[in-house]
Protein backbone atom coordinates (compact mmCIF):
# COMPACT_ATOMS: atom_id res chain seq x y z
CA UNK A 1 54.30 0.09 -17.38
CA UNK A 2 53.52 -1.00 -20.90
CA UNK A 3 50.21 0.34 -22.24
CA UNK A 4 49.37 -0.83 -25.73
CA UNK A 5 46.45 -2.08 -27.83
CA UNK A 6 46.20 -5.75 -28.65
CA UNK A 7 47.02 -5.25 -32.31
CA UNK A 8 50.28 -3.56 -31.27
CA UNK A 9 51.05 -6.42 -28.88
CA UNK A 10 50.46 -8.92 -31.69
CA UNK A 11 53.06 -7.17 -33.86
CA UNK A 12 55.55 -6.79 -31.00
CA UNK A 13 55.49 -10.52 -30.14
CA UNK A 14 55.31 -11.60 -33.82
CA UNK A 15 52.07 -13.37 -33.02
CA UNK A 16 48.94 -14.17 -35.02
CA UNK A 17 45.30 -15.12 -34.74
CA UNK A 18 43.93 -12.05 -32.96
CA UNK A 19 40.26 -11.56 -33.84
CA UNK A 20 39.48 -8.30 -35.61
CA UNK A 21 36.90 -7.66 -32.91
CA UNK A 22 39.63 -7.33 -30.26
CA UNK A 23 42.28 -5.32 -32.09
CA UNK A 24 41.57 -2.12 -30.12
CA UNK A 25 41.41 -3.83 -26.73
CA UNK A 26 43.77 -1.96 -24.40
CA UNK A 27 46.16 -3.70 -22.04
CA UNK A 28 48.02 -2.16 -19.10
CA UNK A 29 50.87 -4.26 -17.74
CA UNK A 30 51.89 -7.89 -18.10
CA UNK A 31 51.62 -10.85 -15.73
CA UNK A 32 52.84 -14.44 -15.84
CA UNK A 33 51.16 -15.34 -12.52
CA UNK A 34 47.37 -15.49 -12.32
CA UNK A 35 47.52 -15.12 -8.51
CA UNK A 36 49.02 -11.61 -8.65
CA UNK A 37 47.55 -10.44 -11.94
CA UNK A 38 46.07 -6.92 -11.94
CA UNK A 39 42.95 -5.98 -13.83
CA UNK A 40 43.66 -4.92 -17.41
CA UNK A 41 46.89 -6.94 -17.75
CA UNK A 42 48.07 -9.14 -20.56
CA UNK A 43 48.41 -12.70 -19.21
CA UNK A 44 51.34 -14.70 -20.59
CA UNK A 45 51.03 -18.40 -19.67
CA UNK A 46 54.57 -19.77 -19.30
CA UNK A 47 55.25 -23.48 -19.73
CA UNK A 48 57.33 -24.57 -16.75
CA UNK A 49 56.84 -26.97 -13.82
CA UNK A 50 53.23 -25.79 -13.67
CA UNK A 51 51.90 -24.95 -17.11
CA UNK A 52 50.43 -21.43 -17.06
CA UNK A 53 47.88 -22.36 -19.72
CA UNK A 54 45.99 -24.32 -17.05
CA UNK A 55 45.32 -21.05 -15.19
CA UNK A 56 43.79 -19.01 -17.99
CA UNK A 57 40.28 -19.04 -16.51
CA UNK A 58 41.59 -17.84 -13.15
CA UNK A 59 43.45 -15.05 -14.98
CA UNK A 60 40.29 -14.04 -16.82
CA UNK A 61 38.28 -14.04 -13.58
CA UNK A 62 40.89 -11.73 -12.02
CA UNK A 63 40.49 -9.22 -14.84
CA UNK A 64 43.00 -10.13 -17.53
CA UNK A 65 42.32 -8.03 -20.65
CA UNK A 66 43.95 -10.43 -23.11
CA UNK A 67 46.37 -13.34 -23.26
CA UNK A 68 49.08 -14.93 -25.33
CA UNK A 69 48.61 -18.60 -26.15
CA UNK A 70 51.28 -21.07 -27.18
CA UNK A 71 50.09 -22.49 -30.49
CA UNK A 72 50.88 -26.11 -29.62
CA UNK A 73 48.40 -26.01 -26.71
CA UNK A 74 44.75 -26.91 -27.39
CA UNK A 75 41.57 -25.11 -26.37
CA UNK A 76 42.39 -21.40 -26.14
CA UNK A 77 39.58 -19.48 -24.40
CA UNK A 78 36.55 -18.50 -26.47
CA UNK A 79 35.15 -14.96 -26.71
CA UNK A 80 38.39 -13.47 -25.36
CA UNK A 81 41.36 -11.62 -26.94
CA UNK A 82 43.93 -14.34 -27.72
CA UNK A 83 47.25 -13.91 -29.55
CA UNK A 84 48.91 -17.11 -30.75
CA UNK A 85 52.70 -17.38 -30.36
CA UNK A 86 55.27 -20.07 -31.05
CA UNK A 87 56.64 -20.06 -27.50
CA UNK A 88 55.31 -18.09 -24.54
CA UNK A 89 58.69 -17.37 -22.94
CA UNK A 90 60.21 -16.29 -26.24
CA UNK A 91 57.20 -14.04 -26.80
CA UNK A 92 57.69 -12.48 -23.35
CA UNK A 93 61.27 -11.69 -24.33
CA UNK A 94 60.27 -10.29 -27.73
CA UNK A 95 57.67 -8.08 -26.10
CA UNK A 96 60.13 -6.78 -23.49
CA UNK A 97 62.86 -6.22 -26.06
CA UNK A 98 60.58 -4.31 -28.41
CA UNK A 99 59.16 -2.21 -25.57
CA UNK A 100 62.72 -1.40 -24.46
CA UNK A 101 63.54 -0.26 -28.02
CA UNK A 102 60.51 2.03 -28.02
CA UNK A 103 61.60 3.81 -24.84
CA UNK A 104 64.21 6.54 -24.47
CA UNK A 105 65.35 5.04 -21.17
CA UNK A 106 69.06 4.51 -20.38
CA UNK A 107 69.91 1.31 -18.55
CA UNK A 108 72.44 -0.04 -16.06
CA UNK A 109 73.17 -3.77 -15.96
CA UNK A 110 74.68 -5.43 -12.89
CA UNK A 111 76.08 -8.94 -12.58
CA UNK A 112 78.71 -10.82 -10.57
CA UNK A 113 79.16 -13.85 -8.35
CA UNK A 114 78.30 -11.91 -5.17
CA UNK A 115 76.86 -8.53 -4.26
CA UNK A 116 74.59 -7.94 -7.26
CA UNK A 117 71.45 -7.01 -5.33
CA UNK A 118 73.15 -4.74 -2.81
CA UNK A 119 75.07 -2.97 -5.57
CA UNK A 120 71.82 -2.55 -7.50
CA UNK A 121 70.21 -0.97 -4.43
CA UNK A 122 73.09 1.50 -4.07
CA UNK A 123 73.16 2.39 -7.78
CA UNK A 124 69.41 3.00 -7.73
CA UNK A 125 69.63 5.20 -4.63
CA UNK A 126 72.51 7.26 -6.04
CA UNK A 127 70.85 7.80 -9.42
CA UNK A 128 67.50 8.63 -7.79
CA UNK A 129 69.05 11.78 -6.32
CA UNK A 130 69.17 13.21 -9.85
CA UNK A 131 67.05 11.16 -12.25
CA UNK A 132 63.65 9.50 -12.53
CA UNK A 133 64.67 5.88 -12.09
CA UNK A 134 63.21 2.40 -11.77
CA UNK A 135 64.97 -0.80 -10.82
CA UNK A 136 64.63 -4.56 -10.45
CA UNK A 137 62.49 -5.46 -7.44
CA UNK A 138 64.29 -7.68 -4.92
CA UNK A 139 66.51 -10.03 -6.90
CA UNK A 140 64.33 -10.45 -10.01
CA UNK A 141 67.36 -11.07 -12.16
CA UNK A 142 66.54 -14.09 -14.32
CA UNK A 143 64.90 -14.80 -17.70
CA UNK A 144 61.50 -14.03 -16.15
CA UNK A 145 62.42 -11.15 -13.84
CA UNK A 146 64.40 -8.98 -16.27
CA UNK A 147 61.78 -8.87 -19.07
CA UNK A 148 59.00 -8.28 -16.54
CA UNK A 149 61.03 -5.42 -15.02
CA UNK A 150 61.44 -3.85 -18.47
CA UNK A 151 57.70 -4.16 -19.11
CA UNK A 152 56.99 -2.42 -15.79
CA UNK A 153 58.95 0.69 -16.81
CA UNK A 154 57.03 3.93 -17.15
CA UNK A 155 57.56 5.65 -20.46
CA UNK A 156 59.13 8.70 -18.81
CA UNK A 157 61.70 6.68 -16.86
CA UNK A 158 65.14 8.16 -17.42
CA UNK A 159 67.34 5.33 -16.11
CA UNK A 160 66.50 1.69 -15.33
CA UNK A 161 68.77 -0.41 -13.11
CA UNK A 162 68.69 -4.12 -13.95
CA UNK A 163 70.22 -6.97 -11.97
CA UNK A 164 71.25 -9.87 -14.22
CA UNK A 165 71.85 -13.35 -12.82
CA UNK A 166 72.57 -16.69 -14.44
CA UNK A 167 72.95 -20.40 -13.96
CA UNK A 168 74.89 -21.11 -17.14
CA UNK A 169 76.50 -19.75 -20.29
CA UNK A 170 74.32 -17.71 -22.62
CA UNK A 171 71.83 -16.47 -20.04
CA UNK A 172 73.39 -13.08 -19.32
CA UNK A 173 73.94 -12.64 -23.06
CA UNK A 174 70.18 -12.92 -23.54
CA UNK A 175 69.39 -10.54 -20.68
CA UNK A 176 71.96 -8.00 -21.82
CA UNK A 177 70.57 -7.95 -25.35
CA UNK A 178 67.12 -7.33 -23.86
CA UNK A 179 68.21 -4.52 -21.54
CA UNK A 180 70.90 -2.97 -23.78
CA UNK A 181 72.85 -1.46 -20.86
CA UNK A 182 74.75 1.75 -21.33
CA UNK A 183 76.63 1.14 -18.08
CA UNK A 184 77.45 -2.32 -16.73
CA UNK A 185 78.97 -3.55 -13.47
CA UNK A 186 80.71 -6.85 -12.74
CA UNK A 187 80.97 -7.00 -8.96
CA UNK A 188 83.10 -10.09 -8.43
CA UNK A 189 84.17 -13.38 -9.93
CA UNK A 190 83.84 -15.97 -7.18
CA UNK A 191 83.09 -19.63 -6.74
CA UNK A 192 79.33 -19.55 -7.34
CA UNK A 193 78.34 -21.62 -10.42
CA UNK A 194 81.50 -23.72 -10.40
CA UNK A 195 79.22 -26.76 -10.42
CA UNK A 196 77.62 -25.66 -13.70
CA UNK A 197 80.55 -23.99 -15.45
CA UNK A 198 83.53 -25.91 -14.12
CA UNK A 199 86.12 -23.15 -13.78
CA UNK A 200 86.57 -19.49 -12.85
CA UNK A 201 87.65 -18.78 -16.42
CA UNK A 202 84.25 -19.99 -17.63
CA UNK A 203 82.53 -17.86 -15.00
CA UNK A 204 84.48 -14.81 -16.25
CA UNK A 205 83.25 -15.45 -19.78
CA UNK A 206 79.67 -15.92 -18.60
CA UNK A 207 79.68 -12.67 -16.62
CA UNK A 208 81.31 -10.74 -19.49
CA UNK A 209 78.28 -11.59 -21.62
CA UNK A 210 76.80 -8.47 -20.02
CA UNK A 211 78.87 -6.53 -22.57
CA UNK A 212 77.09 -8.17 -25.52
CA UNK A 213 74.06 -5.87 -25.34
CA UNK A 214 76.17 -2.73 -24.93
CA UNK A 215 76.08 -0.68 -28.11
CA UNK A 216 78.13 2.28 -26.93
CA UNK A 217 79.02 4.83 -25.96
CA UNK A 218 79.07 3.42 -22.46
CA UNK A 219 81.15 2.18 -19.54
CA UNK A 220 82.00 -1.20 -18.02
CA UNK A 221 82.78 -0.97 -14.30
CA UNK A 222 84.56 -4.10 -13.11
CA UNK A 223 86.42 -5.43 -10.09
CA UNK A 224 90.06 -4.65 -10.79
CA UNK A 225 91.27 -6.89 -7.96
CA UNK A 226 90.43 -9.90 -10.13
CA UNK A 227 93.40 -10.46 -12.46
CA UNK A 228 91.36 -12.52 -14.94
CA UNK A 229 88.81 -9.79 -15.64
CA UNK A 230 90.92 -7.01 -17.15
CA UNK A 231 92.34 -8.64 -20.30
CA UNK A 232 89.15 -10.65 -20.86
CA UNK A 233 87.04 -7.47 -20.63
CA UNK A 234 89.20 -5.68 -23.19
CA UNK A 235 88.79 -8.59 -25.61
CA UNK A 236 85.03 -8.68 -25.04
CA UNK A 237 84.72 -4.95 -25.71
CA UNK A 238 86.90 -4.92 -28.82
CA UNK A 239 85.32 -2.70 -31.44
CA UNK A 240 82.78 -1.22 -29.01
CA UNK A 241 82.76 2.40 -27.89
CA UNK A 242 82.78 1.35 -24.24
CA UNK A 243 85.43 2.49 -21.78
CA UNK A 244 86.39 0.62 -18.61
CA UNK A 245 86.60 1.72 -14.97
CA UNK A 246 88.15 -0.46 -12.25
CA UNK A 247 87.16 -0.58 -8.59
CA UNK A 248 88.52 -2.63 -5.70
CA UNK A 249 90.76 -2.58 -2.66
CA UNK A 250 94.09 -1.99 -4.41
CA UNK A 251 95.49 1.42 -5.34
CA UNK A 252 95.91 0.31 -8.98
CA UNK A 253 92.12 0.74 -9.35
CA UNK A 254 90.34 3.92 -10.40
CA UNK A 255 88.11 3.69 -7.29
CA UNK A 256 89.61 2.30 -4.07
CA UNK A 257 89.18 2.95 -0.32
CA UNK A 258 91.53 5.20 1.62
CA UNK A 259 90.02 4.57 5.07
CA UNK A 260 87.36 2.22 6.45
CA UNK A 261 85.78 2.25 9.92
CA UNK A 262 82.90 0.28 11.44
CA UNK A 263 80.28 1.56 13.86
CA UNK A 264 76.79 0.70 15.06
CA UNK A 265 75.42 2.77 12.15
CA UNK A 266 77.24 0.81 9.46
CA UNK A 267 80.53 1.29 7.64
CA UNK A 268 82.23 4.63 7.04
CA UNK A 269 84.86 5.17 4.35
CA UNK A 270 86.74 7.64 2.21
CA UNK A 271 87.98 6.81 -1.26
CA UNK A 272 89.73 7.82 -4.42
CA UNK A 273 88.92 9.72 -6.50
CA UNK A 274 86.95 11.80 -3.94
CA UNK A 275 88.90 11.77 -0.65
CA UNK A 276 87.16 14.85 0.75
CA UNK A 277 83.81 13.06 1.32
CA UNK A 278 83.20 10.56 4.11
CA UNK A 279 80.61 8.03 3.01
CA UNK A 280 78.40 5.87 5.20
CA UNK A 281 76.69 2.67 4.09
CA UNK A 282 74.06 0.95 6.21
CA UNK A 283 75.74 -2.47 6.16
CA UNK A 284 78.50 -3.38 8.60
CA UNK A 285 81.58 -4.88 6.97
CA UNK A 286 84.65 -3.81 5.03
CA UNK A 287 83.75 -6.10 2.14
CA UNK A 288 80.69 -3.99 1.31
CA UNK A 289 82.82 -0.94 0.55
CA UNK A 290 84.08 -2.28 -2.79
CA UNK A 291 80.58 -2.68 -4.23
CA UNK A 292 79.66 0.79 -2.97
CA UNK A 293 82.65 2.06 -4.99
CA UNK A 294 81.22 0.41 -8.12
CA UNK A 295 77.95 2.23 -7.52
CA UNK A 296 79.81 5.53 -7.10
CA UNK A 297 81.60 4.96 -10.41
CA UNK A 298 78.27 4.55 -12.22
CA UNK A 299 76.86 7.64 -10.49
CA UNK A 300 79.88 9.63 -11.68
CA UNK A 301 79.43 8.32 -15.22
CA UNK A 302 75.84 9.59 -15.30
CA UNK A 303 76.86 12.94 -13.84
CA UNK A 304 75.32 12.75 -10.36
CA UNK A 305 76.68 15.81 -8.51
CA UNK A 306 79.35 14.89 -5.97
CA UNK A 307 77.48 16.58 -3.12
CA UNK A 308 74.51 14.22 -3.66
CA UNK A 309 76.48 10.98 -3.61
CA UNK A 310 76.99 10.94 0.16
CA UNK A 311 73.22 11.16 0.72
CA UNK A 312 72.54 8.60 -2.01
CA UNK A 313 74.64 5.92 -0.31
CA UNK A 314 73.63 6.81 3.24
CA UNK A 315 69.87 6.75 2.59
CA UNK A 316 69.73 3.65 0.36
CA UNK A 317 66.98 1.16 1.18
CA UNK A 318 68.60 -2.26 0.96
CA UNK A 319 67.03 -5.63 0.18
CA UNK A 320 66.49 -7.99 3.11
CA UNK A 321 68.54 -10.76 4.73
CA UNK A 322 71.80 -8.88 4.32
CA UNK A 323 73.39 -8.10 7.67
CA UNK A 324 69.94 -7.53 9.20
CA UNK A 325 70.25 -6.85 12.92
CA UNK A 326 67.26 -8.33 14.78
CA UNK A 327 66.62 -8.30 18.52
CA UNK A 328 65.76 -11.84 19.56
CA UNK A 329 62.91 -12.61 21.91
CA UNK A 330 65.28 -14.11 24.50
CA UNK A 331 67.40 -10.95 24.72
CA UNK A 332 70.21 -11.89 22.33
CA UNK A 333 70.83 -10.36 18.90
CA UNK A 334 70.54 -12.02 15.50
CA UNK A 335 72.60 -10.87 12.53
CA UNK A 336 70.81 -12.35 9.54
CA UNK A 337 73.10 -12.54 6.52
CA UNK A 338 71.39 -15.59 5.09
CA UNK A 339 70.40 -14.39 1.63
CA UNK A 340 73.19 -16.43 0.08
CA UNK A 341 76.68 -17.80 0.67
CA UNK A 342 79.85 -18.67 -1.22
CA UNK A 343 83.41 -19.14 0.04
CA UNK A 344 84.19 -15.52 -0.83
CA UNK A 345 81.17 -14.05 0.94
CA UNK A 346 81.59 -16.33 3.97
CA UNK A 347 85.24 -15.28 4.34
CA UNK A 348 84.15 -11.64 4.21
CA UNK A 349 81.49 -12.30 6.84
CA UNK A 350 84.06 -14.01 9.08
CA UNK A 351 86.35 -11.00 8.78
CA UNK A 352 83.50 -8.80 9.96
CA UNK A 353 82.53 -11.17 12.78
CA UNK A 354 86.11 -11.40 13.99
CA UNK A 355 86.20 -7.60 14.33
CA UNK A 356 82.75 -7.32 15.90
CA UNK A 357 82.76 -6.06 19.48
CA UNK A 358 80.22 -5.23 22.16
CA UNK A 359 78.67 -8.67 22.69
CA UNK A 360 79.12 -11.18 25.51
CA UNK A 361 79.63 -14.12 23.13
CA UNK A 362 79.66 -14.57 19.35
CA UNK A 363 77.79 -17.63 18.04
CA UNK A 364 78.35 -18.45 14.37
CA UNK A 365 75.72 -20.53 12.55
CA UNK A 366 76.76 -21.69 9.07
CA UNK A 367 74.75 -23.64 6.51
CA UNK A 368 75.91 -25.43 3.38
CA UNK A 369 77.42 -23.43 0.52
CA UNK A 370 75.82 -24.89 -2.61
CA UNK A 371 76.70 -25.14 -6.32
CA UNK A 372 80.48 -25.31 -5.78
CA UNK A 373 81.23 -28.32 -7.94
CA UNK A 374 83.91 -30.92 -7.34
CA UNK A 375 85.78 -28.77 -4.81
CA UNK A 376 82.79 -28.30 -2.49
CA UNK A 377 84.26 -30.34 0.37
CA UNK A 378 87.60 -28.52 0.17
CA UNK A 379 85.85 -25.14 0.22
CA UNK A 380 83.92 -26.07 3.37
CA UNK A 381 87.01 -27.43 5.11
CA UNK A 382 88.87 -24.21 4.29
CA UNK A 383 86.19 -22.17 6.07
CA UNK A 384 86.52 -24.36 9.16
CA UNK A 385 90.28 -23.87 9.19
CA UNK A 386 89.84 -20.09 9.10
CA UNK A 387 87.68 -19.96 12.24
CA UNK A 388 89.49 -18.38 15.18
CA UNK A 389 88.46 -19.59 18.69
CA UNK A 390 89.77 -16.32 20.13
CA UNK A 391 87.27 -14.34 18.02
CA UNK A 392 84.28 -16.71 17.77
CA UNK A 393 82.93 -18.48 20.85
CA UNK A 394 80.68 -21.14 19.33
CA UNK A 395 80.24 -22.67 15.87
CA UNK A 396 77.05 -24.50 14.81
CA UNK A 397 76.57 -25.91 11.32
CA UNK A 398 73.61 -27.14 9.29
CA UNK A 399 73.80 -29.67 6.47
CA UNK A 400 75.98 -32.47 5.24
CA UNK A 401 78.57 -30.24 3.56
CA UNK A 402 78.87 -27.92 6.55
CA UNK A 403 79.79 -30.91 8.70
CA UNK A 404 83.19 -30.48 7.02
CA UNK A 405 83.40 -26.97 8.51
CA UNK A 406 82.71 -28.36 11.97
CA UNK A 407 85.27 -31.15 11.57
CA UNK A 408 87.97 -28.75 10.38
CA UNK A 409 87.30 -26.29 13.21
CA UNK A 410 86.79 -28.67 16.11
CA UNK A 411 90.46 -29.28 16.82
CA UNK A 412 91.13 -25.60 17.51
CA UNK A 413 88.04 -24.96 19.66
CA UNK A 414 87.31 -26.05 23.26
CA UNK A 415 85.26 -29.27 23.59
CA UNK A 416 81.53 -28.73 23.08
CA UNK A 417 81.83 -25.37 21.34
CA UNK A 418 81.52 -26.79 17.80
CA UNK A 419 78.48 -28.87 16.78
CA UNK A 420 77.13 -30.09 13.46
CA UNK A 421 73.42 -30.65 12.74
CA UNK A 422 71.56 -32.34 9.91
CA UNK A 423 68.06 -31.16 10.92
CA UNK A 424 67.05 -27.52 11.27
CA UNK A 425 64.75 -28.29 14.20
CA UNK A 426 67.66 -29.77 16.18
CA UNK A 427 69.82 -26.76 15.38
CA UNK A 428 67.05 -24.36 16.45
CA UNK A 429 66.71 -26.21 19.74
CA UNK A 430 70.48 -25.93 20.32
CA UNK A 431 70.51 -22.19 19.62
CA UNK A 432 67.66 -21.71 22.08
CA UNK A 433 69.65 -23.52 24.77
CA UNK A 434 73.01 -21.87 24.06
CA UNK A 435 72.23 -18.22 23.23
CA UNK A 436 71.68 -15.87 26.16
CA UNK A 437 71.10 -12.14 26.69
CA UNK A 438 74.09 -10.16 25.46
CA UNK A 439 75.08 -12.76 22.84
CA UNK A 440 75.03 -12.33 19.06
CA UNK A 441 73.99 -15.15 16.71
CA UNK A 442 75.29 -14.74 13.15
CA UNK A 443 73.46 -16.64 10.36
CA UNK A 444 75.02 -17.42 6.98
CA UNK A 445 74.20 -20.04 4.35
CA UNK A 446 73.18 -20.54 0.72
CA UNK A 447 69.67 -19.49 -0.27
CA UNK A 448 68.58 -23.10 -0.58
CA UNK A 449 69.31 -23.63 3.13
CA UNK A 450 66.79 -20.93 4.19
CA UNK A 451 68.75 -20.17 7.34
CA UNK A 452 66.43 -17.29 8.22
CA UNK A 453 63.79 -19.82 9.27
CA UNK A 454 65.82 -20.41 12.40
CA UNK A 455 64.83 -16.99 13.75
CA UNK A 456 61.13 -17.80 13.81
CA UNK A 457 61.79 -21.30 15.07
CA UNK A 458 63.84 -20.06 18.03
CA UNK A 459 61.93 -16.88 18.87
CA UNK A 460 58.62 -18.62 18.42
CA UNK A 461 59.59 -21.17 21.01
């Protein structure tokens, strides 16, 4: 992580006001949260819903070595190393960007409507077979998480893997210019962010902002099954020494699957351009294979030996709430895929659930899909129409929007096998009454629905 003296920090953030007495004060690491601050850190008080400046004394008591201070805020702490800045968040970004420029590290940037975090986990695992790597923790992919990840990098890190998320235009542009990726991945253009951006074309442009920080030479790995991405990517990369690699399900891509099989250990596949290796990923579902192909393309770009790639995918440690299989206290099985949901990811989950075998009954629990804009009701109804009563035994929904799923599905299902709930406690009670030993309960919903809470509510009685 960053280790600098206060006078260096002042120059890096373009700050002022540091007392001569504190110029040689050393800092190790950066924190924007006084609750988790480690001794010796630089505390950066961010102005958001809770103004970080109000927590400066707690930060000092926890061992902060110095702090930034937004100049329009009164009463900076006395007898303590303080650097004045125009804006705390902008200063955090300047510090991260300058630290990135001082390092020799190569970076990978990953964005997309779905699958960013899982793809990041696979890329990190593949590259770790050959390089000293670091990567974004969990899904720290926003305007706080990316700069903090950069500031956590050790100076001898060879490759950093950065997940980049967004809620609107311009955000990935900012993150890409901070991280300056040599290799970038766009996993998918889906329906997420339609509410903010209005159209898939706008989402394409927002995701392609990941190219803006690429200086070349480098590679953009993108989903070639999306017809809007190809021409738009070429325009975005015009004049840059960045080549493109396509992945997806179709044989027109550079990386595509030749065979896919599911088992209790995950998903097994072979692919072009390396048909001689059978790969295994620890997540069950055909839809995960495409993002694994994107990770393989990046590994090939960085020269990971082919014989190491099988181990890199197989042994990857994946972030939680993605196809987690949990044995319930009442003898049935949970499959917790509740990290997030969009029409694309729900359709992929349904495809997996329809193929799933070995359980007495399959109970599907769906929560609202959020941030879908004006078409949100149509998207939910479409999911309901896709449900097959021959492949799913019971459908339970949570939330006002998901009531549309239940309404669309109810005509095809036997009476009583489809129910809609507004309150999570009522839904938990219904699961407890319905699910029995030998059943599987599949959870899916947007992050804001926190569907995973149902597990504790049901198993805890």
